[in-house]
Amino acid sequence: MTMKFLSLEKAFKFEIARTPTLPKEIADLKEEIEGEIRVAELRSSVTGVIDQAHFEEIVGMKLRFDGLYIDWAEGKIS
């Protein structure tokens, strides 16, 4: 996955974009990530082992979330 960096202007817009009303796509993914984290925590508390594949899946979801957030801050999605 390609790393994205924001210019100072876009970083400022990113801060402005931090409002309680997220686009549905971002809000849904955020809820899904939180749910997967809860599942991973429960599994590891029961088994005592961290599922590497599930961990990598959650990291991928977080990276996708970050990309969507940047797209929203840049006005590509609303």
C-alpha atoms as a PDB file:
ATOM      1  CA  MET A   1       0.000   0.000   0.000  1.00  0.00           C
ATOM      2  CA  THR A   2       1.307   3.446  -0.914  1.00  0.00           C
ATOM      3  CA  MET A   3       1.845   5.860   1.952  1.00  0.00           C
ATOM      4  CA  LYS A   4       0.063   9.210   1.716  1.00  0.00           C
ATOM      5  CA  PHE A   5       1.352  12.410   3.278  1.00  0.00           C
ATOM      6  CA  LEU A   6      -0.643  15.592   3.675  1.00  0.00           C
ATOM      7  CA  SER A   7       0.604  19.079   2.914  1.00  0.00           C
ATOM      8  CA  LEU A   8       0.237  21.673   5.665  1.00  0.00           C
ATOM      9  CA  GLU A   9      -2.878  23.058   3.957  1.00  0.00           C
ATOM     10  CA  LYS A  10      -4.468  19.635   3.647  1.00  0.00           C
ATOM     11  CA  ALA A  11      -3.523  18.792   7.239  1.00  0.00           C
ATOM     12  CA  PHE A  12      -5.389  21.933   8.324  1.00  0.00           C
ATOM     13  CA  LYS A  13      -8.428  20.841   6.296  1.00  0.00           C
ATOM     14  CA  PHE A  14      -8.073  17.426   7.897  1.00  0.00           C
ATOM     15  CA  GLU A  15      -8.386  18.998  11.342  1.00  0.00           C
ATOM     16  CA  ILE A  16     -11.429  20.977  10.205  1.00  0.00           C
ATOM     17  CA  ALA A  17     -12.964  17.775   8.869  1.00  0.00           C
ATOM     18  CA  ARG A  18     -12.948  16.237  12.349  1.00  0.00           C
ATOM     19  CA  THR A  19     -16.627  16.648  13.073  1.00  0.00           C
ATOM     20  CA  PRO A  20     -19.038  14.318  14.830  1.00  0.00           C
ATOM     21  CA  THR A  21     -20.815  13.630  11.531  1.00  0.00           C
ATOM     22  CA  LEU A  22     -18.699  11.187   9.568  1.00  0.00           C
ATOM     23  CA  PRO A  23     -19.670   9.952   6.109  1.00  0.00           C
ATOM     24  CA  LYS A  24     -21.539   6.640   6.362  1.00  0.00           C
ATOM     25  CA  GLU A  25     -18.715   4.681   4.733  1.00  0.00           C
ATOM     26  CA  ILE A  26     -16.220   5.917   7.337  1.00  0.00           C
ATOM     27  CA  ALA A  27     -18.605   5.505  10.279  1.00  0.00           C
ATOM     28  CA  ASP A  28     -19.479   1.953   9.220  1.00  0.00           C
ATOM     29  CA  LEU A  29     -15.829   0.979   8.850  1.00  0.00           C
ATOM     30  CA  LYS A  30     -15.033   2.535  12.238  1.00  0.00           C
ATOM     31  CA  GLU A  31     -17.752   0.417  13.882  1.00  0.00           C
ATOM     32  CA  GLU A  32     -16.526  -2.690  12.062  1.00  0.00           C
ATOM     33  CA  ILE A  33     -12.953  -2.091  13.243  1.00  0.00           C
ATOM     34  CA  GLU A  34     -14.107  -1.616  16.835  1.00  0.00           C
ATOM     35  CA  GLY A  35     -16.083  -4.859  16.635  1.00  0.00           C
ATOM     36  CA  GLU A  36     -13.143  -6.806  15.211  1.00  0.00           C
ATOM     37  CA  ILE A  37     -10.892  -5.447  17.947  1.00  0.00           C
ATOM     38  CA  ARG A  38     -13.364  -6.646  20.595  1.00  0.00           C
ATOM     39  CA  VAL A  39     -13.477 -10.099  18.956  1.00  0.00           C
ATOM     40  CA  ALA A  40      -9.662 -10.253  18.829  1.00  0.00           C
ATOM     41  CA  GLU A  41      -9.373  -9.224  22.491  1.00  0.00           C
ATOM     42  CA  LEU A  42     -11.908 -11.847  23.550  1.00  0.00           C
ATOM     43  CA  ARG A  43     -10.193 -14.602  21.556  1.00  0.00           C
ATOM     44  CA  SER A  44      -6.776 -13.740  22.928  1.00  0.00           C
ATOM     45  CA  SER A  45      -8.098 -13.579  26.498  1.00  0.00           C
ATOM     46  CA  VAL A  46      -9.593 -17.078  26.106  1.00  0.00           C
ATOM     47  CA  THR A  47      -6.773 -18.717  24.148  1.00  0.00           C
ATOM     48  CA  GLY A  48      -3.828 -16.662  25.390  1.00  0.00           C
ATOM     49  CA  VAL A  49      -2.671 -16.347  21.775  1.00  0.00           C
ATOM     50  CA  ILE A  50      -2.927 -13.443  19.337  1.00  0.00           C
ATOM     51  CA  ASP A  51      -4.253 -14.544  15.954  1.00  0.00           C
ATOM     52  CA  GLN A  52      -1.708 -13.058  13.549  1.00  0.00           C
ATOM     53  CA  ALA A  53      -4.021 -13.245  10.507  1.00  0.00           C
ATOM     54  CA  HIS A  54      -6.829 -11.471  12.356  1.00  0.00           C
ATOM     55  CA  PHE A  55      -4.364  -8.880  13.640  1.00  0.00           C
ATOM     56  CA  GLU A  56      -3.174  -8.185  10.080  1.00  0.00           C
ATOM     57  CA  GLU A  57      -6.794  -7.927   8.906  1.00  0.00           C
ATOM     58  CA  ILE A  58      -7.497  -5.271  11.555  1.00  0.00           C
ATOM     59  CA  VAL A  59      -4.362  -3.346  10.593  1.00  0.00           C
ATOM     60  CA  GLY A  60      -5.486  -3.411   6.951  1.00  0.00           C
ATOM     61  CA  MET A  61      -8.905  -2.107   7.977  1.00  0.00           C
ATOM     62  CA  LYS A  62      -7.272   0.725   9.940  1.00  0.00           C
ATOM     63  CA  LEU A  63      -5.118   1.652   6.952  1.00  0.00           C
ATOM     64  CA  ARG A  64      -8.221   1.692   4.753  1.00  0.00           C
ATOM     65  CA  PHE A  65      -9.940   3.868   7.385  1.00  0.00           C
ATOM     66  CA  ASP A  66      -7.025   6.322   7.335  1.00  0.00           C
ATOM     67  CA  GLY A  67      -7.189   6.496   3.539  1.00  0.00           C
ATOM     68  CA  LEU A  68     -10.926   7.170   3.615  1.00  0.00           C
ATOM     69  CA  TYR A  69     -10.429   9.849   6.262  1.00  0.00           C
ATOM     70  CA  ILE A  70      -7.816  11.563   4.089  1.00  0.00           C
ATOM     71  CA  ASP A  71     -10.106  11.337   1.059  1.00  0.00           C
ATOM     72  CA  TRP A  72     -12.871  12.943   3.128  1.00  0.00           C
ATOM     73  CA  ALA A  73     -10.555  15.736   4.307  1.00  0.00           C
ATOM     74  CA  GLU A  74      -9.540  16.387   0.705  1.00  0.00           C
ATOM     75  CA  GLY A  75     -13.197  16.555  -0.355  1.00  0.00           C
ATOM     76  CA  LYS A  76     -13.122  13.376  -2.460  1.00  0.00           C
ATOM     77  CA  ILE A  77     -15.984  11.831  -0.451  1.00  0.00           C
ATOM     78  CA  SER A  78     -18.753  13.429   1.570  1.00  0.00           C
END
